[in-house]
Amino acid sequence: MAKASLRWQCRRGMLELDFVLERYLDRHYDAADQTEQGLFARLLSAQDPELQLWILNGVTHPDPAFQPLIAKIRGI
């Protein structure tokens, strides 16, 4: 997926989510392997309340494959 399209999808209804998602896109996306890039694109399809739980509140994503990506996004 084109990075410009991903950047647009990073713009959410919450400023906090915008910040952490765009920070990941700017700092880590280009160096990520295809699997991680695909997970990021899939993660962006989630609704804001889900993203808030997983990224901002630290609730475990139901799919363990997302955990390393979410930890990287959170800066852990």
N, C-alpha and C. Protein backbone atom coordinates (compact mmCIF):
# COMPACT_ATOMS: atom_id res chain seq x y z
N MET A 1 0.85 -1.18 0.00
CA MET A 1 0.00 0.00 0.00
C MET A 1 0.89 1.24 0.00
N ALA A 2 0.48 2.26 -0.71
CA ALA A 2 1.26 3.48 -0.82
C ALA A 2 1.33 4.20 0.53
N LYS A 3 2.50 4.72 0.83
CA LYS A 3 2.71 5.39 2.11
C LYS A 3 1.79 6.59 2.28
N ALA A 4 1.50 7.30 1.21
CA ALA A 4 0.59 8.46 1.29
C ALA A 4 -0.81 8.01 1.71
N SER A 5 -1.23 6.87 1.21
CA SER A 5 -2.54 6.33 1.59
C SER A 5 -2.55 5.93 3.06
N LEU A 6 -1.47 5.31 3.50
CA LEU A 6 -1.36 4.94 4.91
C LEU A 6 -1.37 6.17 5.81
N ARG A 7 -0.66 7.22 5.38
CA ARG A 7 -0.63 8.45 6.18
C ARG A 7 -2.05 9.00 6.34
N TRP A 8 -2.82 8.96 5.28
CA TRP A 8 -4.21 9.43 5.35
C TRP A 8 -5.00 8.57 6.34
N GLN A 9 -4.79 7.27 6.32
CA GLN A 9 -5.50 6.38 7.21
C GLN A 9 -5.06 6.54 8.67
N CYS A 10 -3.87 7.08 8.89
CA CYS A 10 -3.40 7.34 10.25
C CYS A 10 -4.16 8.49 10.90
N ARG A 11 -4.81 9.29 10.10
CA ARG A 11 -5.59 10.41 10.64
C ARG A 11 -6.90 9.88 11.18
N ARG A 12 -6.99 9.85 12.48
CA ARG A 12 -8.12 9.26 13.17
C ARG A 12 -8.94 10.36 13.84
N GLY A 13 -9.91 9.97 14.63
CA GLY A 13 -10.72 10.93 15.35
C GLY A 13 -10.10 11.40 16.65
N MET A 14 -8.91 10.86 16.97
CA MET A 14 -8.23 11.20 18.22
C MET A 14 -6.82 11.67 17.91
N LEU A 15 -6.47 12.82 18.43
CA LEU A 15 -5.15 13.38 18.21
C LEU A 15 -4.05 12.44 18.71
N GLU A 16 -4.29 11.78 19.84
CA GLU A 16 -3.29 10.88 20.40
C GLU A 16 -3.00 9.71 19.44
N LEU A 17 -4.04 9.16 18.84
CA LEU A 17 -3.84 8.08 17.87
C LEU A 17 -3.12 8.59 16.64
N ASP A 18 -3.51 9.76 16.14
CA ASP A 18 -2.82 10.35 14.99
C ASP A 18 -1.32 10.40 15.26
N PHE A 19 -0.97 10.91 16.43
CA PHE A 19 0.43 11.11 16.77
C PHE A 19 1.21 9.80 16.77
N VAL A 20 0.73 8.79 17.47
CA VAL A 20 1.50 7.55 17.58
C VAL A 20 1.53 6.77 16.27
N LEU A 21 0.44 6.78 15.52
CA LEU A 21 0.41 6.08 14.25
C LEU A 21 1.32 6.75 13.22
N GLU A 22 1.28 8.06 13.14
CA GLU A 22 2.15 8.77 12.20
C GLU A 22 3.62 8.67 12.63
N ARG A 23 3.88 8.63 13.92
CA ARG A 23 5.26 8.47 14.40
C ARG A 23 5.80 7.12 13.94
N TYR A 24 5.00 6.05 14.08
CA TYR A 24 5.44 4.74 13.58
C TYR A 24 5.70 4.81 12.08
N LEU A 25 4.77 5.40 11.34
CA LEU A 25 4.91 5.49 9.89
C LEU A 25 6.20 6.20 9.50
N ASP A 26 6.52 7.27 10.19
CA ASP A 26 7.71 8.06 9.87
C ASP A 26 9.01 7.39 10.31
N ARG A 27 8.98 6.72 11.44
CA ARG A 27 10.22 6.20 12.03
C ARG A 27 10.50 4.73 11.72
N HIS A 28 9.47 3.92 11.49
CA HIS A 28 9.70 2.48 11.42
C HIS A 28 9.17 1.80 10.15
N TYR A 29 8.17 2.38 9.51
CA TYR A 29 7.49 1.67 8.42
C TYR A 29 8.43 1.28 7.29
N ASP A 30 9.26 2.20 6.84
CA ASP A 30 10.13 1.91 5.69
C ASP A 30 11.11 0.77 5.96
N ALA A 31 11.56 0.63 7.18
CA ALA A 31 12.52 -0.42 7.54
C ALA A 31 11.83 -1.74 7.89
N ALA A 32 10.53 -1.72 8.04
CA ALA A 32 9.79 -2.93 8.41
C ALA A 32 9.72 -3.91 7.25
N ASP A 33 9.66 -5.19 7.59
CA ASP A 33 9.51 -6.19 6.54
C ASP A 33 8.06 -6.19 6.03
N GLN A 34 7.82 -6.95 4.97
CA GLN A 34 6.49 -6.96 4.34
C GLN A 34 5.40 -7.44 5.30
N THR A 35 5.75 -8.37 6.15
CA THR A 35 4.76 -8.88 7.11
C THR A 35 4.31 -7.77 8.05
N GLU A 36 5.29 -7.06 8.61
CA GLU A 36 4.95 -5.97 9.54
C GLU A 36 4.19 -4.86 8.82
N GLN A 37 4.60 -4.53 7.60
CA GLN A 37 3.89 -3.50 6.84
C GLN A 37 2.44 -3.92 6.59
N GLY A 38 2.24 -5.19 6.28
CA GLY A 38 0.89 -5.70 6.07
C GLY A 38 0.05 -5.65 7.34
N LEU A 39 0.67 -5.99 8.47
CA LEU A 39 -0.04 -5.92 9.75
C LEU A 39 -0.43 -4.48 10.07
N PHE A 40 0.47 -3.55 9.77
CA PHE A 40 0.15 -2.15 10.03
C PHE A 40 -1.04 -1.71 9.19
N ALA A 41 -1.05 -2.07 7.93
CA ALA A 41 -2.19 -1.71 7.06
C ALA A 41 -3.48 -2.33 7.59
N ARG A 42 -3.41 -3.59 8.03
CA ARG A 42 -4.59 -4.24 8.61
C ARG A 42 -5.02 -3.58 9.91
N LEU A 43 -4.06 -3.19 10.72
CA LEU A 43 -4.37 -2.53 11.99
C LEU A 43 -5.14 -1.23 11.74
N LEU A 44 -4.77 -0.52 10.70
CA LEU A 44 -5.43 0.75 10.39
C LEU A 44 -6.89 0.57 9.97
N SER A 45 -7.29 -0.65 9.65
CA SER A 45 -8.69 -0.89 9.29
C SER A 45 -9.59 -1.02 10.52
N ALA A 46 -8.99 -1.09 11.70
CA ALA A 46 -9.77 -1.20 12.93
C ALA A 46 -10.42 0.15 13.26
N GLN A 47 -11.46 0.09 14.05
CA GLN A 47 -12.17 1.29 14.48
C GLN A 47 -11.36 2.00 15.58
N ASP A 48 -11.57 3.30 15.71
CA ASP A 48 -10.85 4.10 16.70
C ASP A 48 -10.96 3.56 18.12
N PRO A 49 -12.14 3.15 18.59
CA PRO A 49 -12.20 2.64 19.97
C PRO A 49 -11.33 1.40 20.20
N GLU A 50 -11.20 0.54 19.13
CA GLU A 50 -10.34 -0.63 19.25
C GLU A 50 -8.89 -0.21 19.30
N LEU A 51 -8.52 0.68 18.43
CA LEU A 51 -7.14 1.16 18.40
C LEU A 51 -6.78 1.84 19.72
N GLN A 52 -7.70 2.59 20.27
CA GLN A 52 -7.45 3.24 21.55
C GLN A 52 -7.16 2.20 22.63
N LEU A 53 -7.96 1.14 22.67
CA LEU A 53 -7.75 0.10 23.66
C LEU A 53 -6.38 -0.55 23.49
N TRP A 54 -6.05 -0.95 22.28
CA TRP A 54 -4.82 -1.69 22.03
C TRP A 54 -3.57 -0.82 22.14
N ILE A 55 -3.62 0.37 21.57
CA ILE A 55 -2.42 1.20 21.47
C ILE A 55 -2.27 2.13 22.67
N LEU A 56 -3.31 2.83 23.02
CA LEU A 56 -3.20 3.82 24.09
C LEU A 56 -3.40 3.22 25.48
N ASN A 57 -4.30 2.24 25.59
CA ASN A 57 -4.64 1.69 26.90
C ASN A 57 -3.90 0.39 27.22
N GLY A 58 -3.21 -0.18 26.25
CA GLY A 58 -2.41 -1.37 26.50
C GLY A 58 -3.18 -2.67 26.61
N VAL A 59 -4.43 -2.69 26.14
CA VAL A 59 -5.20 -3.93 26.13
C VAL A 59 -4.63 -4.85 25.05
N THR A 60 -4.52 -6.12 25.36
CA THR A 60 -3.94 -7.09 24.43
C THR A 60 -4.83 -7.30 23.21
N HIS A 61 -4.24 -7.20 22.04
CA HIS A 61 -4.95 -7.47 20.79
C HIS A 61 -5.30 -8.96 20.76
N PRO A 62 -6.49 -9.32 20.26
CA PRO A 62 -6.87 -10.73 20.24
C PRO A 62 -5.98 -11.61 19.37
N ASP A 63 -5.31 -11.04 18.38
CA ASP A 63 -4.40 -11.79 17.52
C ASP A 63 -2.97 -11.52 17.99
N PRO A 64 -2.28 -12.52 18.54
CA PRO A 64 -0.93 -12.32 19.07
C PRO A 64 0.07 -11.82 18.03
N ALA A 65 -0.20 -12.01 16.75
CA ALA A 65 0.71 -11.54 15.71
C ALA A 65 0.86 -10.02 15.72
N PHE A 66 -0.13 -9.33 16.26
CA PHE A 66 -0.09 -7.87 16.28
C PHE A 66 0.71 -7.31 17.46
N GLN A 67 0.98 -8.11 18.47
CA GLN A 67 1.59 -7.60 19.69
C GLN A 67 2.94 -6.92 19.48
N PRO A 68 3.89 -7.52 18.72
CA PRO A 68 5.17 -6.81 18.51
C PRO A 68 4.98 -5.46 17.80
N LEU A 69 4.10 -5.42 16.83
CA LEU A 69 3.84 -4.18 16.11
C LEU A 69 3.25 -3.13 17.04
N ILE A 70 2.27 -3.51 17.83
CA ILE A 70 1.63 -2.57 18.75
C ILE A 70 2.64 -2.07 19.78
N ALA A 71 3.51 -2.96 20.26
CA ALA A 71 4.54 -2.52 21.20
C ALA A 71 5.48 -1.51 20.54
N LYS A 72 5.81 -1.73 19.28
CA LYS A 72 6.68 -0.78 18.56
C LYS A 72 5.95 0.56 18.38
N ILE A 73 4.69 0.52 18.04
CA ILE A 73 3.91 1.75 17.87
C ILE A 73 3.84 2.51 19.19
N ARG A 74 3.64 1.78 20.28
CA ARG A 74 3.55 2.41 21.60
C ARG A 74 4.90 2.92 22.07
N GLY A 75 5.98 2.47 21.44
CA GLY A 75 7.31 2.91 21.84
C GLY A 75 7.85 2.15 23.03
N ILE A 76 7.33 0.94 23.24
CA ILE A 76 7.78 0.12 24.38
C ILE A 76 9.05 -0.61 24.00
